[in-house]
């Protein structure tokens, strides 16, 4: 039986994926932070809904607002997975009923571009936390393989000693 190689290359791949996801999360955080400083204007919710997505739901909002002297429409698909249960999703939809007032952040350089903080946008940190979990799991796997390799090598050494004694 050949020992399992434990060179750790998959840990390096997992570390690279973690760093890439961290960069993505940081960029998302910066974008949302910048949008949150755009001027606010009152808006009205036209529709709140969701569709199943992976282990949760992907909520979305449609809304109307006035900017630059024109009535405009906006749509925002919020981060998936925030609502793991149907009850939490129903609460979101109830809080964002048709006709409810909402603050709309409008891009000063492009009034047709808008953003709504609807309480379901958590700044893109989910990719980083997911990648961190994969990275930690890969370290556990590396340690398991390292101990398995050491165990197999020690077992072979003991078998050789036992054969020599016969």
Foldseek 3Di string as FASTA:
>chain_A
DAADDLPCPVLVVLVVQLVVLVVVLVVLLVVVVVLVPADKFKKFWAAWDWDDDDQAIWIKTKIWTADPNDIAIDIDTADPPLGNDPVVSVVLRVVRDGGDMFIWGADPVHRNDIDGPSPRHDRSCVSNVVSVVVSVVSVVVSVVSVVRNVVVVVVVVVVVVVVVVD
